[in-house]
Amino acid sequence: MTIKSKLLGTLAALSVISGVQVSHAADELTVAYFLEWPMPFQYAKVKGTYEKELGVPIKWVSFDTGTAMSAAMASGDVQIAVSQGVPPFVVAASAGQDLLLVDVAVSYSENDNCVVAEALEIDKTNAKELEGKKVGVPIGTAAHFGFLEQMKHFNVDITSMEIVDMAPADGAAAFAQGNLDMVCGWGGALRRMKEHGNVLLTGAEKEELGILVFDGISVPSDFASKDGELLTKFLKVTADANAMWRAGNNREEMLDVIAKDAGMELADTASTIDTFTFPTLEETLSAKWMGGNVQNFMLGVADVFQGAGSIPKALDTYTATVDASYLAAAGSQ
């Protein structure tokens, strides 16, 4: 199956599922998140702060990719996705799934990248030699977008490459076994990938090219409209956890709790989370983020995917898919 046909199949499935979306029971929530992706919200998760403030039981379910999160929200199995990548969100929204991005979860340009096998001796000075090589990429994710943009920058013809759709953990394992020439991913998987190769561009170099890497908190729009109060409280607890982390006074305690919940060693957790930036609530509401730039960036992502044949058609605008009102309400509490 080709990359295009696989992604189009995913889009078709999402469009069908979204038409029969199931409303959740207001007395409980299911929240999606990533393992090996340490974030301050996990401290509040473990401490039971969300249940206390929202007043409902919460089931936390881990996922491998943001595309899987979209499918789970489309089927009604998940009400909130924490740290869903912008590209999988855009893919789902472009397919007609009724999702809203309601917060910026984390910015992480250093923690999402592609790694080239060390034996190839390919770096940014001779990246053109990647043509004809085999690469593992989680299709429709932030890593996929970054891959496409980097290959465009280096003028690498991706039609010459063998591109395999692989979750980061699977890609890291295949890369370690020598079955891939390049692999893309994030978090703990990216750390393992780097043990066997090198990145073409650093996070700072990618940002200079306009390749932003950030995740959002996303929800089905019907959940937001029916249970906006719960959503607002959820965002408030999340913002408070981020503020606690930024303050640094409880770093050691928080880090230990987060590491265990993320399924990571303490040292790996520290090295990973220190590459993350958690914008303040005020920053997130500003023009730099949800006040306009996020919407514009989404359109840019969609245009890249459409140009690559990964989605049939981008929306004219993604303004309606971003709703900052719930975060603004959280800031007033």
Protein backbone atom coordinates (compact mmCIF):
# COMPACT_ATOMS: atom_id res chain seq x y z
CA MET A 1 0.00 0.00 0.00
CA THR A 2 1.37 3.46 -0.87
CA ILE A 3 1.74 6.30 1.64
CA LYS A 4 -0.98 8.27 -0.14
CA SER A 5 -3.48 5.42 -0.24
CA LYS A 6 -2.87 4.55 3.40
CA LEU A 7 -3.46 8.11 4.55
CA LEU A 8 -6.48 8.54 2.32
CA GLY A 9 -7.87 5.34 3.83
CA THR A 10 -7.40 6.80 7.29
CA LEU A 11 -9.13 10.00 6.19
CA ALA A 12 -12.05 8.06 4.78
CA ALA A 13 -12.44 6.06 7.98
CA LEU A 14 -12.38 9.21 10.05
CA SER A 15 -15.01 10.89 7.91
CA VAL A 16 -17.32 7.91 8.28
CA ILE A 17 -16.77 7.59 12.02
CA SER A 18 -17.22 11.32 12.64
CA GLY A 19 -20.70 11.09 11.15
CA VAL A 20 -21.81 8.72 13.91
CA GLN A 21 -19.94 10.28 16.80
CA VAL A 22 -21.09 9.08 20.19
CA SER A 23 -21.64 11.61 22.96
CA HIS A 24 -19.90 10.83 26.24
CA ALA A 25 -21.60 10.41 29.58
CA ALA A 26 -21.16 13.71 31.44
CA ASP A 27 -20.33 11.89 34.66
CA GLU A 28 -16.97 10.56 33.40
CA LEU A 29 -14.16 11.43 31.02
CA THR A 30 -11.60 9.52 28.99
CA VAL A 31 -8.38 11.39 28.27
CA ALA A 32 -5.70 10.39 25.75
CA TYR A 33 -1.99 11.00 26.31
CA PHE A 34 1.45 9.66 25.29
CA LEU A 35 3.81 7.50 27.30
CA GLU A 36 7.50 8.53 27.21
CA TRP A 37 6.29 12.11 26.73
CA PRO A 38 6.80 13.72 30.18
CA MET A 39 4.67 16.77 30.96
CA PRO A 40 3.59 18.66 34.11
CA PHE A 41 -0.05 17.62 33.75
CA GLN A 42 1.03 14.12 34.77
CA TYR A 43 1.84 15.37 38.26
CA ALA A 44 -1.77 16.55 38.62
CA LYS A 45 -2.93 13.31 37.00
CA VAL A 46 -1.16 11.13 39.56
CA LYS A 47 -2.13 13.34 42.49
CA GLY A 48 -5.81 13.11 41.57
CA THR A 49 -6.14 16.87 41.10
CA TYR A 50 -8.20 16.55 37.92
CA GLU A 51 -10.81 14.32 39.57
CA LYS A 52 -10.96 16.61 42.59
CA GLU A 53 -11.45 19.80 40.58
CA LEU A 54 -13.71 18.36 37.86
CA GLY A 55 -15.73 16.17 40.18
CA VAL A 56 -15.86 13.21 37.78
CA PRO A 57 -13.77 10.03 37.40
CA ILE A 58 -11.20 10.14 34.62
CA LYS A 59 -9.84 7.23 32.61
CA TRP A 60 -6.39 7.93 31.16
CA VAL A 61 -5.51 5.98 28.01
CA SER A 62 -2.08 6.04 26.34
CA PHE A 63 -1.67 6.18 22.55
CA ASP A 64 1.23 5.75 20.12
CA THR A 65 0.30 8.48 17.62
CA GLY A 66 -1.88 11.56 17.26
CA THR A 67 -3.71 9.95 14.34
CA ALA A 68 -4.89 7.20 16.69
CA MET A 69 -6.10 9.91 19.08
CA SER A 70 -8.17 11.44 16.27
CA ALA A 71 -9.79 8.10 15.53
CA ALA A 72 -10.59 7.55 19.21
CA MET A 73 -12.22 10.97 19.47
CA ALA A 74 -14.16 10.33 16.26
CA SER A 75 -15.58 7.10 17.69
CA GLY A 76 -16.53 8.78 20.97
CA ASP A 77 -14.06 6.72 23.01
CA VAL A 78 -12.00 9.78 24.01
CA GLN A 79 -13.19 13.24 25.02
CA ILE A 80 -9.86 15.04 25.48
CA ALA A 81 -6.48 14.45 23.82
CA VAL A 82 -3.50 15.95 25.61
CA SER A 83 -0.51 16.85 23.45
CA GLN A 84 -1.91 15.87 20.06
CA GLY A 85 0.40 16.99 17.27
CA VAL A 86 -0.84 19.72 14.97
CA PRO A 87 -0.38 17.67 11.75
CA PRO A 88 -2.65 14.77 12.84
CA PHE A 89 -5.18 17.34 14.04
CA VAL A 90 -5.04 19.06 10.64
CA VAL A 91 -5.37 15.75 8.81
CA ALA A 92 -8.52 14.89 10.76
CA ALA A 93 -10.01 18.37 10.42
CA SER A 94 -9.31 18.35 6.69
CA ALA A 95 -11.23 15.07 6.44
CA GLY A 96 -14.26 16.71 8.04
CA GLN A 97 -13.86 15.49 11.61
CA ASP A 98 -15.38 18.07 13.94
CA LEU A 99 -12.45 18.77 16.28
CA LEU A 100 -11.36 21.82 18.23
CA LEU A 101 -7.88 22.78 19.37
CA VAL A 102 -8.45 24.45 22.74
CA ASP A 103 -4.93 24.90 24.14
CA VAL A 104 -1.25 24.73 23.23
CA ALA A 105 0.15 21.85 25.24
CA VAL A 106 3.88 22.09 24.55
CA SER A 107 6.47 23.43 22.12
CA TYR A 108 9.30 21.02 21.37
CA SER A 109 11.37 21.74 18.30
CA GLU A 110 14.32 19.80 19.77
CA ASN A 111 12.25 16.73 20.57
CA ASP A 112 10.73 15.79 17.22
CA ASN A 113 13.10 15.00 14.39
CA CYS A 114 14.48 12.60 11.81
CA VAL A 115 17.69 10.61 12.33
CA VAL A 116 19.99 9.28 9.60
CA ALA A 117 21.89 6.02 10.10
CA GLU A 118 25.44 6.68 11.26
CA ALA A 119 26.97 4.30 8.71
CA LEU A 120 25.64 6.39 5.80
CA GLU A 121 27.69 9.44 6.84
CA ILE A 122 24.94 11.74 5.55
CA ASP A 123 24.40 15.15 7.16
CA LYS A 124 23.07 18.53 6.07
CA THR A 125 26.00 19.00 3.68
CA ASN A 126 25.13 15.98 1.53
CA ALA A 127 21.47 15.29 2.37
CA LYS A 128 20.67 14.85 -1.32
CA GLU A 129 22.16 11.36 -0.94
CA LEU A 130 19.03 10.34 0.98
CA GLU A 131 17.27 9.81 -2.36
CA GLY A 132 16.51 6.14 -2.85
CA LYS A 133 16.80 5.40 0.86
CA LYS A 134 14.31 3.67 3.18
CA VAL A 135 12.74 5.78 5.93
CA GLY A 136 10.31 5.01 8.74
CA VAL A 137 7.82 7.85 9.35
CA PRO A 138 4.63 7.98 11.45
CA ILE A 139 2.33 9.25 8.70
CA GLY A 140 0.11 12.26 9.39
CA THR A 141 2.03 13.38 12.48
CA ALA A 142 4.30 16.29 13.39
CA ALA A 143 7.26 14.06 12.53
CA HIS A 144 5.79 13.48 9.06
CA PHE A 145 5.38 17.21 8.50
CA GLY A 146 8.93 17.86 9.69
CA PHE A 147 10.23 15.13 7.38
CA LEU A 148 8.45 16.62 4.35
CA GLU A 149 9.70 20.13 5.13
CA GLN A 150 13.28 19.01 5.69
CA MET A 151 13.34 17.00 2.47
CA LYS A 152 11.90 20.02 0.65
CA HIS A 153 14.62 22.22 2.13
CA PHE A 154 17.35 19.81 1.00
CA ASN A 155 15.67 19.29 -2.41
CA VAL A 156 15.39 15.54 -1.82
CA ASP A 157 12.95 13.79 -4.16
CA ILE A 158 10.74 11.83 -1.74
CA THR A 159 9.17 9.87 -4.60
CA SER A 160 12.50 8.10 -4.91
CA MET A 161 12.41 7.00 -1.28
CA GLU A 162 10.78 3.94 0.26
CA ILE A 163 8.61 5.47 2.99
CA VAL A 164 7.20 3.10 5.61
CA ASP A 165 4.45 4.16 8.02
CA MET A 166 5.80 3.30 11.49
CA ALA A 167 5.01 4.47 15.02
CA PRO A 168 8.13 6.00 16.61
CA ALA A 169 8.77 3.07 18.98
CA ASP A 170 8.58 0.59 16.10
CA GLY A 171 10.73 2.81 13.92
CA ALA A 172 13.39 3.09 16.63
CA ALA A 173 13.52 -0.71 16.96
CA ALA A 174 13.81 -1.25 13.19
CA PHE A 175 16.45 1.47 12.97
CA ALA A 176 18.52 -0.18 15.72
CA GLN A 177 18.40 -3.44 13.76
CA GLY A 178 19.70 -1.72 10.63
CA ASN A 179 16.47 -2.10 8.68
CA LEU A 180 16.02 1.62 7.97
CA ASP A 181 18.29 4.30 6.54
CA MET A 182 16.42 7.11 8.27
CA VAL A 183 13.71 7.25 10.88
CA CYS A 184 11.53 9.99 12.33
CA GLY A 185 9.85 10.33 15.71
CA TRP A 186 9.78 12.00 19.09
CA GLY A 187 10.27 11.52 22.82
CA GLY A 188 11.91 8.40 24.16
CA ALA A 189 11.88 6.81 20.73
CA LEU A 190 13.83 9.74 19.28
CA ARG A 191 16.38 9.42 22.07
CA ARG A 192 16.91 5.76 21.15
CA MET A 193 17.13 6.65 17.45
CA LYS A 194 19.97 9.07 18.15
CA GLU A 195 22.02 6.21 19.60
CA HIS A 196 22.41 4.92 16.03
CA GLY A 197 22.56 8.06 13.92
CA ASN A 198 22.47 11.82 13.61
CA VAL A 199 19.90 14.55 12.92
CA LEU A 200 20.12 16.68 9.80
CA LEU A 201 18.95 19.89 11.47
CA THR A 202 18.77 20.99 15.09
CA GLY A 203 15.55 22.34 16.59
CA ALA A 204 16.84 25.90 16.30
CA GLU A 205 17.78 25.36 12.65
CA LYS A 206 14.31 23.98 11.92
CA GLU A 207 12.66 26.99 13.56
CA GLU A 208 14.75 29.30 11.38
CA LEU A 209 13.17 27.57 8.39
CA GLY A 210 9.69 28.04 9.86
CA ILE A 211 9.30 24.40 10.88
CA LEU A 212 7.48 24.81 14.19
CA VAL A 213 6.82 21.79 16.37
CA PHE A 214 4.09 22.02 18.98
CA ASP A 215 1.16 20.01 20.28
CA GLY A 216 -2.30 21.07 21.30
CA ILE A 217 -5.05 19.90 23.58
CA SER A 218 -7.89 18.85 21.31
CA VAL A 219 -11.48 17.80 21.83
CA PRO A 220 -14.54 16.85 19.77
CA SER A 221 -16.60 20.00 19.31
CA ASP A 222 -19.77 18.36 20.64
CA PHE A 223 -18.01 17.61 23.92
CA ALA A 224 -16.87 21.23 24.20
CA SER A 225 -20.36 22.56 23.55
CA LYS A 226 -22.09 20.15 25.93
CA ASP A 227 -19.51 20.07 28.71
CA GLY A 228 -17.67 23.35 28.42
CA GLU A 229 -17.49 23.76 32.18
CA LEU A 230 -15.65 20.45 32.58
CA LEU A 231 -13.30 21.38 29.75
CA THR A 232 -12.57 24.77 31.30
CA LYS A 233 -11.74 23.15 34.63
CA PHE A 234 -9.50 20.63 32.90
CA LEU A 235 -7.56 23.41 31.19
CA LYS A 236 -7.28 25.30 34.49
CA VAL A 237 -5.73 22.30 36.27
CA THR A 238 -3.35 21.81 33.34
CA ALA A 239 -2.32 25.48 33.36
CA ASP A 240 -1.70 25.36 37.11
CA ALA A 241 0.51 22.27 36.73
CA ASN A 242 2.49 24.01 33.99
CA ALA A 243 2.89 27.09 36.19
CA MET A 244 4.14 24.93 39.06
CA TRP A 245 6.72 23.34 36.77
CA ARG A 246 7.91 26.68 35.38
CA ALA A 247 8.31 28.06 38.91
CA GLY A 248 10.86 25.33 39.59
CA ASN A 249 10.27 25.16 43.35
CA ASN A 250 8.94 21.58 43.23
CA ARG A 251 11.04 20.29 40.34
CA GLU A 252 12.50 17.27 42.14
CA GLU A 253 9.16 16.03 43.47
CA MET A 254 7.33 16.69 40.22
CA LEU A 255 10.05 15.08 38.12
CA ASP A 256 9.95 11.86 40.11
CA VAL A 257 6.16 11.57 39.78
CA ILE A 258 6.18 12.49 36.09
CA ALA A 259 8.95 10.00 35.29
CA LYS A 260 7.08 7.09 36.83
CA ASP A 261 3.83 8.01 35.09
CA ALA A 262 5.63 8.43 31.74
CA GLY A 263 7.29 5.03 32.11
CA MET A 264 10.78 6.51 31.95
CA GLU A 265 14.02 6.60 33.90
CA LEU A 266 14.50 9.78 35.95
CA ALA A 267 17.55 10.96 34.00
CA ASP A 268 15.84 10.38 30.65
CA THR A 269 12.77 12.25 31.86
CA ALA A 270 14.86 15.23 32.90
CA SER A 271 16.76 15.37 29.60
CA THR A 272 13.51 15.12 27.64
CA ILE A 273 11.34 17.59 29.53
CA ASP A 274 14.14 20.15 29.60
CA THR A 275 13.81 20.41 25.81
CA PHE A 276 10.12 21.30 26.19
CA THR A 277 8.55 24.74 26.57
CA PHE A 278 5.16 25.13 28.24
CA PRO A 279 3.73 28.55 27.28
CA THR A 280 1.90 30.50 29.98
CA LEU A 281 -1.84 30.86 29.68
CA GLU A 282 -1.38 34.49 28.68
CA GLU A 283 1.21 33.60 26.03
CA THR A 284 -1.04 30.90 24.62
CA LEU A 285 -3.89 33.38 24.19
CA SER A 286 -1.61 35.91 22.46
CA ALA A 287 -1.13 36.44 18.74
CA LYS A 288 2.02 34.29 18.86
CA TRP A 289 -0.14 31.26 19.50
CA MET A 290 -3.93 30.91 19.53
CA GLY A 291 -4.51 34.59 18.77
CA GLY A 292 -3.68 33.96 15.11
CA ASN A 293 -0.39 32.17 14.50
CA VAL A 294 -1.69 28.67 15.29
CA GLN A 295 -4.46 29.06 12.72
CA ASN A 296 -2.03 30.31 10.08
CA PHE A 297 0.43 27.51 10.84
CA MET A 298 -2.33 24.91 10.45
CA LEU A 299 -3.08 26.22 6.98
CA GLY A 300 0.60 25.99 6.13
CA VAL A 301 0.73 22.38 7.35
CA ALA A 302 -2.37 21.52 5.32
CA ASP A 303 -0.91 23.12 2.18
CA VAL A 304 2.27 21.04 2.57
CA PHE A 305 0.28 17.83 3.01
CA GLN A 306 -1.94 18.66 0.05
CA GLY A 307 1.09 19.43 -2.09
CA ALA A 308 2.61 16.09 -1.14
CA GLY A 309 -0.64 14.30 -2.02
CA SER A 310 -1.12 13.22 1.61
CA ILE A 311 -4.58 14.79 1.94
CA PRO A 312 -7.12 15.40 -0.85
CA LYS A 313 -7.69 19.08 -0.08
CA ALA A 314 -6.87 21.62 2.59
CA LEU A 315 -9.61 23.72 4.14
CA ASP A 316 -9.76 27.36 3.06
CA THR A 317 -9.09 28.34 6.66
CA TYR A 318 -8.59 26.55 9.99
CA THR A 319 -9.84 29.45 12.09
CA ALA A 320 -13.02 27.60 13.08
CA THR A 321 -11.00 24.64 14.36
CA VAL A 322 -9.31 26.77 17.06
CA ASP A 323 -11.35 27.93 20.06
CA ALA A 324 -9.54 29.85 22.78
CA SER A 325 -12.68 30.70 24.76
CA TYR A 326 -12.37 27.77 27.14
CA LEU A 327 -8.76 28.62 27.96
CA ALA A 328 -9.71 32.27 28.42
CA ALA A 329 -12.45 31.17 30.83
CA ALA A 330 -9.89 29.04 32.70
CA GLY A 331 -7.69 32.11 33.07
CA SER A 332 -10.48 34.03 34.73
CA GLN A 333 -11.04 31.39 37.42
